[in-house]
Amino acid sequence: MKNVIMFFLIIIISVLVFSFPNDLILLFGNPHSHTSFSDGEPGSTPSDAYKHGRDLANLDFMAVTDHAYYFEAKYNGRDKFEVMKEMARQETTENFTAIAGFEWTAGSGHINVFESTNWTSRNIKTTVEKFYSWLIKEKALAQFNHPISMFGTFKDFEYYPEVDNYINMIEVGNGSWTKNDTINDEMFSNYILALKKGWHVGATVGQDNHIANWGTGNDSRTAVWVKKNDKNSILNGFKNRKTYGTEDKNAKLWIETDEVFMGDIYYYENKPEKIKLKVNYNDPDNEKIKILTIYTPNKIFTYEDLDSDIIREFEIPIDSTYFFVFVRIDQYDNNNIVSSAIWYEPKNGIRLFELPKTKMYKNSENNFNMYIYNVFETSEKANIKIYVDNKLSYENNIELNGYEKRMEKAKVNVPDNSNANIEIYINDLMWGNINVDLEEKIKIGIININPGYLKNKYIISKKVSNELNTIIIPSSFLKENYDKILELSKNMKVGIIIDEINDYLLKLIPSKYELTNEKIKDVEINRIYYNECFKILYKGKNRGFIINKNFVIFPGNPFEEKENEAFVKRLLNIK
């Protein structure tokens, strides 16, 4: 009997230890809306929106985020953002918090900024990079809005470590239509992409109202766990990602592990093998869970047909050095709920979020370029090792400044096999393990020309044939091989380096170009550097190359200068 009592006592204690946070309250609101201060409901003001959200939608908080480029026009002679802040203060009550914000919009994407001292617009900060610099200087809180191709995905969520301190949220759903289907597949998949790229952003849903239905358009909400209902607490909840996006207006969700809570980053000394993810879900309307899905960088775990009130613990393996985990709940009524993530990361600041996606060729040295990041403010050292089939192929020691992003231009030697296993270690932590299919090396015919930077990267033949990908010859070679080269040019690019002027060469040069006997040295012409070359004129100006069908004619050797490599290889279609 004593053992039975002890067993039930353990169960009760475990339930009591994990529950919804006792020191936090849960608020539901809308972080994205518009008024006539930009392109919202004609004649409406932020005050109208706040009152509607408070009194009709019964929201706990609401942000008005009008498009900032409309702020260039005044409101009754006053700055619109300052008027909005004043209205927000006036409409805030004990149970409702009004938040002033603006939306920066550009082709690269739209971003909400909340309660900043100043505002900026696409007409002032015209690129996302310029906006990011402004955001860092302003130290403002921001959110990625509706990340879909129609509105922009921030250059595929190109990662900037310092900006990551200030963009703390992302919409997984957006819209104020009555259908309430706001969390769509593209936004959700881009949420995962942003996490994989390194961004630490919490999940939200914004109604993005453009008519007078602020909060009443549908049941979609952003939920945030806070100390109390006031502006500072809500902004702090946003910043620390204590949010989830929901199409259900009152469903409660919380996740945690033994180490940290939803939205937190756990910095480990030694990477744990697994975590115990605890999920607490409750729906006051007794809406059961159709599917509960747990997402990590590399795996998805699915559980079906769960109750409307659950406290569950799931054992999840940590299978990557940079690791995150979050939960999605799909209810039987087709409403969806998406939590913010929990992160597990190394204590040092060095990160590698993406592995190179490049062709690699058998039995040769291959470029293996990758971006290394320092996500901390202070400088960090990185020892980089790359193993090919368990053999060390590359090692380098670097030091990155605070928040630095650097391209590591690694070179690795791969065997004469059909594939190879590549492992990347940084500071003795594995950041990548990939199997790469190896291709046959490209064959190039090079006759009596210094191959320069092409050497060792390609199979170089001293004969010309149909088996080659590209042919590179001196113009003198044309005298005895013109017909053969002309025939081969029907199926491949032919590069001709002028070493002499002859009648066969002149046949290939269109009459609009003037080829002279004069030679010039140490010049850059049309993006190509030459140590020495013949002078070719087009409309009185020097010309660095001539294209005639599949022939590319160079006045000198463009393979001697490394700076030419990318451009010249494009001209000759050398991959």
Protein backbone atom coordinates (compact mmCIF):
# COMPACT_ATOMS: atom_id res chain seq x y z
CA MET A 1 0.00 0.00 0.00
CA LYS A 2 2.88 2.34 0.84
CA ASN A 3 4.40 1.75 -2.63
CA VAL A 4 1.09 2.58 -4.31
CA ILE A 5 0.76 5.82 -2.33
CA MET A 6 4.34 6.77 -3.21
CA PHE A 7 3.66 6.07 -6.91
CA PHE A 8 0.64 8.38 -6.98
CA LEU A 9 2.56 11.00 -4.98
CA ILE A 10 5.30 11.04 -7.61
CA ILE A 11 2.71 11.54 -10.36
CA ILE A 12 1.05 14.41 -8.47
CA ILE A 13 4.38 16.12 -7.78
CA SER A 14 5.44 15.84 -11.45
CA VAL A 15 2.17 17.42 -12.55
CA LEU A 16 2.51 20.20 -9.99
CA VAL A 17 6.11 20.90 -11.00
CA PHE A 18 5.16 21.37 -14.65
CA SER A 19 2.12 23.47 -15.44
CA PHE A 20 1.29 26.82 -16.97
CA PRO A 21 3.58 29.51 -15.49
CA ASN A 22 2.37 30.60 -12.05
CA ASP A 23 4.22 33.91 -12.21
CA LEU A 24 2.93 34.91 -15.65
CA ILE A 25 -0.44 35.78 -17.14
CA LEU A 26 -1.58 35.05 -20.69
CA LEU A 27 -2.72 37.88 -22.97
CA PHE A 28 -4.33 37.67 -26.41
CA GLY A 29 -4.00 40.48 -28.92
CA ASN A 30 -3.17 41.75 -32.38
CA PRO A 31 0.33 43.09 -33.23
CA HIS A 32 -0.42 44.21 -36.80
CA SER A 33 -3.11 46.65 -37.98
CA HIS A 34 -3.64 49.79 -40.05
CA THR A 35 -5.74 52.95 -40.05
CA SER A 36 -6.13 55.95 -42.34
CA PHE A 37 -2.77 57.12 -41.03
CA SER A 38 -1.67 54.94 -43.96
CA ASP A 39 -3.88 52.74 -46.18
CA GLY A 40 -6.39 51.48 -43.59
CA GLU A 41 -10.09 52.27 -43.07
CA PRO A 42 -10.72 55.73 -44.61
CA GLY A 43 -11.21 58.40 -41.97
CA SER A 44 -10.14 56.15 -39.09
CA THR A 45 -7.50 57.02 -36.51
CA PRO A 46 -5.38 54.84 -34.23
CA SER A 47 -7.76 55.80 -31.41
CA ASP A 48 -10.64 54.25 -33.35
CA ALA A 49 -8.65 51.06 -33.85
CA TYR A 50 -7.62 50.80 -30.20
CA LYS A 51 -11.20 51.35 -29.01
CA HIS A 52 -12.53 48.75 -31.44
CA GLY A 53 -9.96 46.18 -30.36
CA ARG A 54 -10.55 46.91 -26.69
CA ASP A 55 -14.32 47.32 -26.52
CA LEU A 56 -15.64 45.13 -29.34
CA ALA A 57 -12.96 42.46 -29.86
CA ASN A 58 -12.12 42.21 -26.15
CA LEU A 59 -8.41 42.10 -26.93
CA ASP A 60 -5.88 42.43 -24.13
CA PHE A 61 -3.51 44.44 -26.35
CA MET A 62 -3.31 45.81 -29.85
CA ALA A 63 -0.65 47.47 -31.98
CA VAL A 64 -1.38 49.92 -34.78
CA THR A 65 1.44 49.63 -37.32
CA ASP A 66 0.69 51.99 -40.19
CA HIS A 67 2.96 52.06 -43.23
CA ALA A 68 5.71 54.53 -42.40
CA TYR A 69 6.03 56.09 -45.84
CA TYR A 70 2.61 57.67 -45.18
CA PHE A 71 4.14 59.42 -42.16
CA GLU A 72 5.88 61.82 -44.49
CA ALA A 73 2.51 63.61 -44.62
CA LYS A 74 1.48 65.30 -41.36
CA TYR A 75 -1.73 64.82 -39.37
CA ASN A 76 -3.15 68.24 -38.54
CA GLY A 77 0.36 69.61 -38.82
CA ARG A 78 1.85 67.02 -36.45
CA ASP A 79 4.04 63.95 -36.92
CA LYS A 80 1.71 60.95 -37.31
CA PHE A 81 3.86 58.63 -35.22
CA GLU A 82 3.89 61.06 -32.30
CA VAL A 83 0.10 61.43 -32.57
CA MET A 84 -0.26 57.63 -32.62
CA LYS A 85 1.84 57.31 -29.46
CA GLU A 86 -0.32 59.93 -27.75
CA MET A 87 -3.50 58.10 -28.78
CA ALA A 88 -2.04 54.81 -27.54
CA ARG A 89 -1.40 56.33 -24.12
CA GLN A 90 -4.93 57.72 -24.00
CA GLU A 91 -6.63 54.43 -24.92
CA THR A 92 -4.57 52.22 -22.59
CA THR A 93 -6.51 51.03 -19.54
CA GLU A 94 -5.90 48.68 -16.65
CA ASN A 95 -6.97 45.70 -18.77
CA PHE A 96 -5.93 46.85 -22.24
CA THR A 97 -2.58 48.02 -23.64
CA ALA A 98 -2.39 50.07 -26.82
CA ILE A 99 0.93 49.89 -28.68
CA ALA A 100 2.22 52.32 -31.30
CA GLY A 101 4.28 51.00 -34.19
CA PHE A 102 4.95 51.29 -37.90
CA GLU A 103 5.54 48.99 -40.84
CA TRP A 104 8.64 49.38 -43.00
CA THR A 105 7.91 48.01 -46.47
CA ALA A 106 10.17 47.19 -49.40
CA GLY A 107 10.48 44.56 -52.10
CA SER A 108 12.68 42.45 -49.83
CA GLY A 109 9.95 42.26 -47.18
CA HIS A 110 7.83 44.09 -44.60
CA ILE A 111 8.85 44.60 -40.97
CA ASN A 112 6.89 45.93 -37.98
CA VAL A 113 8.68 48.12 -35.44
CA PHE A 114 7.11 48.65 -32.01
CA GLU A 115 7.34 51.71 -29.76
CA SER A 116 10.60 53.04 -31.22
CA THR A 117 11.72 56.58 -30.51
CA ASN A 118 11.84 57.43 -34.21
CA TRP A 119 10.47 56.04 -37.45
CA THR A 120 11.91 55.42 -40.89
CA SER A 121 10.44 54.42 -44.24
CA ARG A 122 11.37 52.77 -47.51
CA ASN A 123 11.92 56.24 -48.95
CA ILE A 124 14.59 56.93 -46.32
CA LYS A 125 16.13 53.51 -45.71
CA THR A 126 15.74 52.08 -49.18
CA THR A 127 17.25 48.60 -48.71
CA VAL A 128 16.84 45.98 -46.02
CA GLU A 129 20.54 46.36 -45.14
CA LYS A 130 20.09 50.10 -44.55
CA PHE A 131 16.99 49.41 -42.48
CA TYR A 132 18.88 46.84 -40.40
CA SER A 133 21.58 49.45 -39.68
CA TRP A 134 18.87 51.89 -38.58
CA LEU A 135 17.28 49.22 -36.37
CA ILE A 136 20.59 48.49 -34.63
CA LYS A 137 21.20 52.18 -34.00
CA GLU A 138 17.63 52.65 -32.76
CA LYS A 139 17.75 49.44 -30.65
CA ALA A 140 14.09 48.91 -31.46
CA LEU A 141 11.92 45.78 -31.26
CA ALA A 142 10.80 44.39 -34.62
CA GLN A 143 8.91 41.58 -36.36
CA PHE A 144 9.17 39.90 -39.77
CA ASN A 145 5.73 40.31 -41.40
CA HIS A 146 3.86 37.83 -43.66
CA PRO A 147 6.99 36.10 -45.00
CA ILE A 148 5.78 34.88 -48.38
CA SER A 149 7.10 35.41 -51.89
CA MET A 150 4.37 37.95 -52.68
CA PHE A 151 5.63 40.38 -50.02
CA GLY A 152 9.27 39.30 -49.67
CA THR A 153 11.28 36.91 -47.54
CA PHE A 154 14.17 39.20 -46.55
CA LYS A 155 16.58 37.78 -49.11
CA ASP A 156 15.74 34.25 -48.00
CA PHE A 157 16.30 35.30 -44.40
CA GLU A 158 19.95 36.20 -44.92
CA TYR A 159 21.33 36.18 -41.41
CA TYR A 160 22.80 39.20 -39.61
CA PRO A 161 23.88 38.32 -36.05
CA GLU A 162 23.53 41.79 -34.53
CA VAL A 163 20.12 42.37 -36.13
CA ASP A 164 19.00 39.10 -34.55
CA ASN A 165 19.04 40.95 -31.21
CA TYR A 166 16.24 43.25 -32.39
CA ILE A 167 14.04 41.26 -34.76
CA ASN A 168 12.44 38.97 -32.20
CA MET A 169 9.19 37.84 -33.83
CA ILE A 170 7.83 36.49 -37.09
CA GLU A 171 4.30 36.08 -38.38
CA VAL A 172 3.37 32.46 -38.99
CA GLY A 173 -0.09 33.68 -39.93
CA ASN A 174 -1.59 36.89 -41.27
CA GLY A 175 -5.03 38.13 -42.30
CA SER A 176 -8.35 39.49 -41.09
CA TRP A 177 -10.72 37.54 -43.32
CA THR A 178 -13.63 35.81 -41.61
CA LYS A 179 -12.53 32.38 -42.82
CA ASN A 180 -9.81 32.56 -40.10
CA ASP A 181 -7.40 30.44 -42.14
CA THR A 182 -4.45 32.72 -41.42
CA ILE A 183 -1.61 30.28 -40.70
CA ASN A 184 -0.71 29.14 -44.21
CA ASP A 185 1.86 26.65 -45.43
CA GLU A 186 4.24 29.18 -46.97
CA MET A 187 4.47 31.39 -43.88
CA PHE A 188 4.85 28.36 -41.67
CA SER A 189 7.63 26.85 -43.80
CA ASN A 190 9.41 30.21 -43.85
CA TYR A 191 9.20 30.32 -40.06
CA ILE A 192 11.17 27.07 -40.06
CA LEU A 193 13.57 28.47 -42.68
CA ALA A 194 14.22 31.57 -40.55
CA LEU A 195 15.01 29.36 -37.55
CA LYS A 196 17.35 27.20 -39.62
CA LYS A 197 19.13 30.31 -40.93
CA GLY A 198 19.90 31.34 -37.34
CA TRP A 199 17.18 33.85 -36.47
CA HIS A 200 15.78 33.71 -32.94
CA VAL A 201 12.21 34.78 -33.62
CA GLY A 202 8.99 34.01 -31.75
CA ALA A 203 5.80 32.93 -33.50
CA THR A 204 2.93 35.43 -33.93
CA VAL A 205 -0.25 35.93 -35.95
CA GLY A 206 -1.30 39.41 -37.08
CA GLN A 207 -4.67 40.37 -38.49
CA ASP A 208 -3.11 43.12 -40.63
CA ASN A 209 -6.46 44.91 -40.66
CA HIS A 210 -7.08 47.44 -43.44
CA ILE A 211 -10.77 47.95 -42.68
CA ALA A 212 -12.63 48.66 -39.43
CA ASN A 213 -12.50 45.10 -38.09
CA TRP A 214 -9.59 45.43 -35.68
CA GLY A 215 -9.64 42.19 -33.69
CA THR A 216 -13.14 41.26 -34.87
CA GLY A 217 -12.11 40.13 -38.35
CA ASN A 218 -11.57 36.62 -37.04
CA ASP A 219 -10.36 34.67 -34.00
CA SER A 220 -6.66 34.75 -34.95
CA ARG A 221 -4.48 36.16 -32.21
CA THR A 222 -0.96 36.49 -30.90
CA ALA A 223 -0.72 35.13 -27.37
CA VAL A 224 2.02 36.36 -25.04
CA TRP A 225 2.95 35.29 -21.51
CA VAL A 226 3.78 38.37 -19.39
CA LYS A 227 4.18 39.57 -15.80
CA LYS A 228 1.29 42.01 -16.12
CA ASN A 229 -0.78 43.80 -18.73
CA ASP A 230 1.23 46.92 -19.45
CA LYS A 231 3.35 48.15 -22.34
CA ASN A 232 6.76 47.30 -20.91
CA SER A 233 5.71 43.78 -19.91
CA ILE A 234 4.23 43.06 -23.33
CA LEU A 235 7.26 44.41 -25.19
CA ASN A 236 9.48 42.36 -22.91
CA GLY A 237 7.36 39.29 -23.68
CA PHE A 238 7.78 40.01 -27.39
CA LYS A 239 11.54 40.49 -27.04
CA ASN A 240 11.97 37.26 -25.11
CA ARG A 241 9.71 35.30 -27.48
CA LYS A 242 7.11 34.28 -24.89
CA THR A 243 4.61 34.16 -27.74
CA TYR A 244 2.64 31.78 -29.86
CA GLY A 245 0.49 32.36 -32.92
CA THR A 246 -3.03 30.97 -32.78
CA GLU A 247 -6.21 30.77 -34.84
CA ASP A 248 -8.06 29.88 -31.63
CA LYS A 249 -8.77 32.98 -29.57
CA ASN A 250 -8.49 31.37 -26.13
CA ALA A 251 -6.40 28.17 -26.38
CA LYS A 252 -3.52 28.10 -23.89
CA LEU A 253 -0.09 26.71 -24.80
CA TRP A 254 3.24 26.51 -23.01
CA ILE A 255 6.41 24.51 -23.63
CA GLU A 256 9.55 24.06 -21.57
CA THR A 257 12.42 21.67 -20.89
CA ASP A 258 14.31 20.85 -17.72
CA GLU A 259 16.69 23.72 -18.50
CA VAL A 260 14.68 26.55 -20.08
CA PHE A 261 11.25 27.86 -21.08
CA MET A 262 9.56 28.74 -24.37
CA GLY A 263 11.53 31.43 -26.21
CA ASP A 264 14.76 30.86 -24.27
CA ILE A 265 18.24 29.96 -25.51
CA TYR A 266 20.19 27.39 -23.50
CA TYR A 267 23.96 27.71 -23.98
CA TYR A 268 25.63 24.38 -23.26
CA GLU A 269 29.20 23.44 -22.41
CA ASN A 270 28.64 19.87 -23.58
CA LYS A 271 25.84 19.13 -26.02
CA PRO A 272 23.07 17.08 -24.37
CA GLU A 273 22.06 13.89 -26.14
CA LYS A 274 18.36 14.51 -25.59
CA ILE A 275 15.85 16.79 -23.90
CA LYS A 276 12.56 16.28 -22.15
CA LEU A 277 10.10 18.59 -23.89
CA LYS A 278 7.07 19.35 -21.77
CA VAL A 279 3.90 20.57 -23.46
CA ASN A 280 0.92 22.05 -21.62
CA TYR A 281 -2.23 22.73 -23.67
CA ASN A 282 -5.71 23.69 -22.58
CA ASP A 283 -8.74 24.80 -24.54
CA PRO A 284 -11.63 26.24 -22.48
CA ASP A 285 -14.00 25.21 -25.28
CA ASN A 286 -12.86 21.58 -25.03
CA GLU A 287 -11.42 21.55 -28.55
CA LYS A 288 -9.30 18.42 -28.82
CA ILE A 289 -6.00 18.07 -30.62
CA LYS A 290 -6.17 16.33 -33.97
CA ILE A 291 -2.39 16.40 -34.50
CA LEU A 292 0.43 17.61 -32.25
CA THR A 293 3.69 17.99 -34.16
CA ILE A 294 7.12 18.65 -32.67
CA TYR A 295 9.64 20.24 -35.05
CA THR A 296 13.44 20.19 -34.76
CA PRO A 297 16.04 21.14 -37.42
CA ASN A 298 16.20 17.61 -38.81
CA LYS A 299 13.20 15.69 -37.51
CA ILE A 300 9.44 15.86 -37.08
CA PHE A 301 7.55 13.96 -34.36
CA THR A 302 3.79 13.53 -34.73
CA TYR A 303 1.15 12.54 -32.16
CA GLU A 304 -2.56 12.19 -32.94
CA ASP A 305 -5.90 12.48 -31.17
CA LEU A 306 -5.01 14.12 -27.87
CA ASP A 307 -7.33 15.61 -25.27
CA SER A 308 -8.30 19.29 -24.92
CA ASP A 309 -6.37 19.52 -21.66
CA ILE A 310 -2.95 17.87 -21.67
CA ILE A 311 0.33 17.92 -19.80
CA ARG A 312 2.72 15.71 -21.74
CA GLU A 313 6.45 15.04 -21.71
CA PHE A 314 8.30 13.99 -24.87
CA GLU A 315 11.88 12.75 -25.10
CA ILE A 316 13.53 14.43 -28.10
CA PRO A 317 17.09 13.70 -29.34
CA ILE A 318 19.41 16.67 -29.93
CA ASP A 319 20.95 15.73 -33.26
CA SER A 320 22.55 19.03 -34.30
CA THR A 321 25.00 21.48 -32.73
CA TYR A 322 22.58 24.37 -33.33
CA PHE A 323 19.25 22.95 -32.20
CA PHE A 324 15.73 24.26 -31.81
CA VAL A 325 12.39 22.71 -30.96
CA PHE A 326 8.83 24.01 -31.19
CA VAL A 327 5.29 22.68 -31.30
CA ARG A 328 2.39 22.98 -33.73
CA ILE A 329 -1.13 21.97 -32.74
CA ASP A 330 -3.86 21.29 -35.30
CA GLN A 331 -7.32 21.15 -33.74
CA TYR A 332 -10.23 19.10 -35.06
CA ASP A 333 -11.99 22.33 -36.11
CA ASN A 334 -8.97 23.05 -38.39
CA ASN A 335 -7.63 25.89 -36.25
CA ASN A 336 -3.85 25.85 -35.86
CA ILE A 337 -1.53 26.98 -33.06
CA VAL A 338 2.24 27.46 -33.41
CA SER A 339 4.58 27.95 -30.45
CA SER A 340 7.82 29.85 -30.27
CA ALA A 341 10.93 27.72 -30.10
CA ILE A 342 13.45 26.73 -27.47
CA TRP A 343 17.11 26.77 -28.57
CA TYR A 344 20.15 24.74 -27.52
CA GLU A 345 23.48 26.20 -28.68
CA PRO A 346 27.20 26.12 -27.80
CA LYS A 347 28.57 28.53 -25.19
CA ASN A 348 31.04 29.94 -27.72
CA GLY A 349 29.68 32.37 -30.30
CA ILE A 350 30.80 30.65 -33.50
CA ARG A 351 28.01 29.34 -35.75
CA LEU A 352 27.62 27.62 -39.10
CA PHE A 353 23.99 27.59 -40.22
CA GLU A 354 24.24 26.50 -43.85
CA LEU A 355 26.42 23.95 -45.58
CA PRO A 356 27.80 24.66 -49.05
CA LYS A 357 25.68 23.56 -51.99
CA THR A 358 28.27 23.13 -54.69
CA LYS A 359 29.28 20.64 -57.32
CA MET A 360 32.34 18.60 -56.43
CA TYR A 361 34.55 16.72 -58.83
CA LYS A 362 36.32 13.39 -58.45
CA ASN A 363 40.01 13.11 -57.66
CA SER A 364 40.57 16.84 -57.40
CA GLU A 365 40.74 19.87 -55.15
CA ASN A 366 37.34 21.51 -54.75
CA ASN A 367 36.18 24.84 -53.36
CA PHE A 368 34.07 24.45 -50.22
CA ASN A 369 33.03 27.98 -49.26
CA MET A 370 30.84 28.59 -46.22
CA TYR A 371 29.74 31.51 -44.06
CA ILE A 372 30.97 31.46 -40.47
CA TYR A 373 29.23 33.73 -37.94
CA ASN A 374 30.09 35.16 -34.55
CA VAL A 375 26.76 35.73 -32.83
CA PHE A 376 28.32 37.39 -29.77
CA GLU A 377 29.40 40.99 -29.24
CA THR A 378 32.97 40.04 -28.30
CA SER A 379 35.54 38.45 -30.61
CA GLU A 380 35.58 34.65 -30.84
CA LYS A 381 38.14 32.16 -32.15
CA ALA A 382 37.30 29.30 -34.47
CA ASN A 383 39.32 26.19 -35.27
CA ILE A 384 37.86 24.82 -38.51
CA LYS A 385 38.48 21.25 -39.63
CA ILE A 386 37.01 19.48 -42.64
CA TYR A 387 37.28 15.71 -42.97
CA VAL A 388 36.75 13.81 -46.20
CA ASP A 389 36.04 10.12 -45.65
CA ASN A 390 37.44 10.42 -42.11
CA LYS A 391 40.71 12.01 -43.29
CA LEU A 392 41.60 15.61 -42.42
CA SER A 393 41.50 17.59 -45.66
CA TYR A 394 41.41 21.20 -44.44
CA GLU A 395 42.21 23.08 -41.24
CA ASN A 396 42.29 26.78 -40.43
CA ASN A 397 42.28 28.97 -37.34
CA ILE A 398 40.48 32.31 -37.51
CA GLU A 399 39.23 34.97 -35.14
CA LEU A 400 35.97 36.79 -35.81
CA ASN A 401 35.08 40.19 -34.46
CA GLY A 402 31.83 40.71 -32.61
CA TYR A 403 28.80 39.95 -34.82
CA GLU A 404 31.07 39.29 -37.79
CA LYS A 405 30.01 37.24 -40.81
CA ARG A 406 32.90 35.83 -42.82
CA MET A 407 33.23 33.64 -45.88
CA GLU A 408 35.61 30.77 -45.17
CA LYS A 409 37.09 29.82 -48.53
CA ALA A 410 38.04 26.24 -47.83
CA LYS A 411 39.52 23.79 -50.31
CA VAL A 412 39.14 20.05 -49.93
CA ASN A 413 40.59 17.12 -51.84
CA VAL A 414 38.15 14.35 -52.68
CA PRO A 415 38.89 10.80 -53.90
CA ASP A 416 38.31 9.21 -57.27
CA ASN A 417 35.00 7.73 -56.10
CA SER A 418 31.37 8.28 -56.95
CA ASN A 419 30.70 9.95 -53.59
CA ALA A 420 32.39 11.22 -50.44
CA ASN A 421 31.45 11.86 -46.83
CA ILE A 422 32.32 15.34 -45.58
CA GLU A 423 32.34 16.36 -41.91
CA ILE A 424 32.80 19.93 -40.70
CA TYR A 425 34.04 20.59 -37.18
CA ILE A 426 34.39 24.01 -35.55
CA ASN A 427 35.99 24.14 -32.12
CA ASP A 428 35.66 20.35 -31.94
CA LEU A 429 31.90 20.46 -32.46
CA MET A 430 30.40 18.83 -35.55
CA TRP A 431 28.46 21.38 -37.58
CA GLY A 432 27.87 19.29 -40.66
CA ASN A 433 27.93 15.73 -41.95
CA ILE A 434 26.98 15.34 -45.59
CA ASN A 435 27.36 12.78 -48.34
CA VAL A 436 28.24 14.35 -51.67
CA ASP A 437 27.87 12.77 -55.10
CA LEU A 438 31.05 13.46 -57.06
CA GLU A 439 30.96 14.34 -60.72
CA GLU A 440 33.47 13.76 -63.44
CA LYS A 441 35.81 16.70 -63.76
CA ILE A 442 35.15 19.02 -66.67
CA LYS A 443 37.51 18.53 -69.60
CA ILE A 444 38.93 21.61 -71.28
CA GLY A 445 41.16 21.69 -74.33
CA ILE A 446 43.94 24.26 -73.86
CA ILE A 447 46.50 24.60 -76.64
CA ASN A 448 49.72 26.55 -76.02
CA ILE A 449 48.09 28.89 -73.48
CA ASN A 450 49.05 29.45 -69.84
CA PRO A 451 45.98 28.00 -68.03
CA GLY A 452 46.53 30.14 -64.92
CA TYR A 453 43.71 29.69 -62.42
CA LEU A 454 42.19 26.83 -64.47
CA LYS A 455 45.14 24.59 -63.60
CA ASN A 456 44.35 21.71 -61.20
CA LYS A 457 40.64 22.55 -61.26
CA TYR A 458 39.84 20.85 -64.55
CA ILE A 459 41.10 18.03 -66.72
CA ILE A 460 43.20 19.84 -69.29
CA SER A 461 43.75 18.24 -72.68
CA LYS A 462 46.35 19.37 -75.19
CA LYS A 463 44.19 18.08 -78.02
CA VAL A 464 40.89 19.36 -79.39
CA SER A 465 37.96 16.96 -79.79
CA ASN A 466 34.20 16.57 -79.37
CA GLU A 467 34.75 15.09 -75.89
CA LEU A 468 35.68 18.48 -74.44
CA ASN A 469 33.42 20.98 -72.70
CA THR A 470 35.36 24.04 -73.85
CA ILE A 471 38.33 24.79 -76.10
CA ILE A 472 40.87 27.57 -75.50
CA ILE A 473 43.37 28.26 -78.27
CA PRO A 474 45.73 30.99 -79.48
CA SER A 475 44.72 32.78 -82.67
CA SER A 476 47.80 31.32 -84.40
CA PHE A 477 46.24 27.85 -84.02
CA LEU A 478 43.51 28.88 -86.47
CA LYS A 479 45.86 28.96 -89.45
CA GLU A 480 46.02 25.17 -89.79
CA ASN A 481 42.88 24.18 -87.88
CA TYR A 482 40.25 26.76 -88.87
CA ASP A 483 37.69 24.36 -90.36
CA LYS A 484 38.01 21.92 -87.45
CA ILE A 485 37.57 24.68 -84.85
CA LEU A 486 34.61 26.09 -86.77
CA GLU A 487 32.92 22.67 -86.69
CA LEU A 488 33.63 22.14 -82.98
CA SER A 489 32.23 25.58 -82.16
CA LYS A 490 28.76 24.37 -83.14
CA ASN A 491 28.61 22.34 -79.90
CA MET A 492 30.87 24.14 -77.44
CA LYS A 493 32.35 27.47 -76.44
CA VAL A 494 35.70 28.33 -78.01
CA GLY A 495 37.98 30.86 -76.35
CA ILE A 496 40.53 32.49 -78.63
CA ILE A 497 43.51 34.33 -77.15
CA ILE A 498 45.01 36.74 -79.68
CA ASP A 499 48.73 36.08 -80.02
CA GLU A 500 48.88 37.23 -83.63
CA ILE A 501 46.58 38.85 -86.15
CA ASN A 502 45.83 36.66 -89.19
CA ASP A 503 43.15 36.32 -91.84
CA TYR A 504 41.39 33.44 -90.04
CA LEU A 505 41.05 35.47 -86.88
CA LEU A 506 39.69 38.44 -88.83
CA LYS A 507 36.97 36.19 -90.30
CA LEU A 508 35.62 35.70 -86.76
CA ILE A 509 35.66 39.35 -85.71
CA PRO A 510 32.56 41.36 -86.71
CA SER A 511 33.33 44.45 -88.77
CA LYS A 512 32.09 46.83 -86.05
CA TYR A 513 35.27 46.05 -84.06
CA GLU A 514 38.67 47.52 -84.96
CA LEU A 515 41.61 45.23 -84.19
CA THR A 516 44.95 47.07 -84.00
CA ASN A 517 48.58 45.93 -83.79
CA GLU A 518 49.09 48.15 -80.75
CA LYS A 519 49.62 46.42 -77.41
CA ILE A 520 48.68 47.83 -74.03
CA LYS A 521 49.76 46.70 -70.56
CA ASP A 522 48.30 46.45 -67.06
CA VAL A 523 44.74 47.41 -67.94
CA GLU A 524 41.21 46.54 -66.87
CA ILE A 525 38.75 46.51 -69.76
CA ASN A 526 35.13 45.37 -69.49
CA ARG A 527 35.75 43.77 -66.08
CA ILE A 528 38.81 41.80 -67.27
CA TYR A 529 42.39 42.49 -66.12
CA TYR A 530 45.22 41.98 -68.63
CA ASN A 531 48.95 42.05 -68.04
CA GLU A 532 49.32 42.67 -71.77
CA CYS A 533 46.87 42.60 -74.65
CA PHE A 534 46.17 43.80 -78.17
CA LYS A 535 44.13 46.96 -78.46
CA ILE A 536 40.61 46.36 -79.77
CA LEU A 537 38.31 49.33 -80.33
CA TYR A 538 34.53 49.53 -80.42
CA LYS A 539 33.08 52.97 -81.13
CA GLY A 540 36.42 54.47 -80.20
CA LYS A 541 36.66 52.73 -76.82
CA ASN A 542 38.83 49.82 -75.70
CA ARG A 543 37.13 46.45 -75.76
CA GLY A 544 38.05 43.59 -73.39
CA PHE A 545 36.43 40.72 -75.31
CA ILE A 546 34.35 39.96 -78.41
CA ILE A 547 31.49 37.46 -78.54
CA ASN A 548 30.51 35.98 -81.91
CA LYS A 549 28.13 33.04 -81.56
CA ASN A 550 30.10 30.42 -79.57
CA PHE A 551 33.41 32.19 -80.01
CA VAL A 552 34.76 34.41 -77.23
CA ILE A 553 37.81 36.34 -78.43
CA PHE A 554 40.18 37.87 -75.88
CA PRO A 555 42.87 40.46 -76.76
CA GLY A 556 45.20 38.86 -74.19
CA ASN A 557 45.31 36.00 -71.70
CA PRO A 558 42.52 36.47 -69.11
CA PHE A 559 43.53 33.35 -67.13
CA GLU A 560 46.63 34.88 -65.55
CA GLU A 561 44.73 37.13 -63.14
CA LYS A 562 42.67 35.46 -60.38
CA GLU A 563 40.25 38.42 -60.28
CA ASN A 564 38.99 37.43 -63.73
CA GLU A 565 37.97 33.89 -62.83
CA ALA A 566 34.25 34.17 -62.12
CA PHE A 567 33.46 36.50 -65.03
CA VAL A 568 35.59 34.75 -67.66
CA LYS A 569 34.25 31.32 -66.68
CA ARG A 570 30.72 32.66 -67.20
CA LEU A 571 31.68 33.94 -70.65
CA LEU A 572 33.04 30.51 -71.59
CA ASN A 573 30.28 28.57 -69.82
CA ILE A 574 32.80 26.78 -67.61
CA LYS A 575 31.02 25.50 -64.50
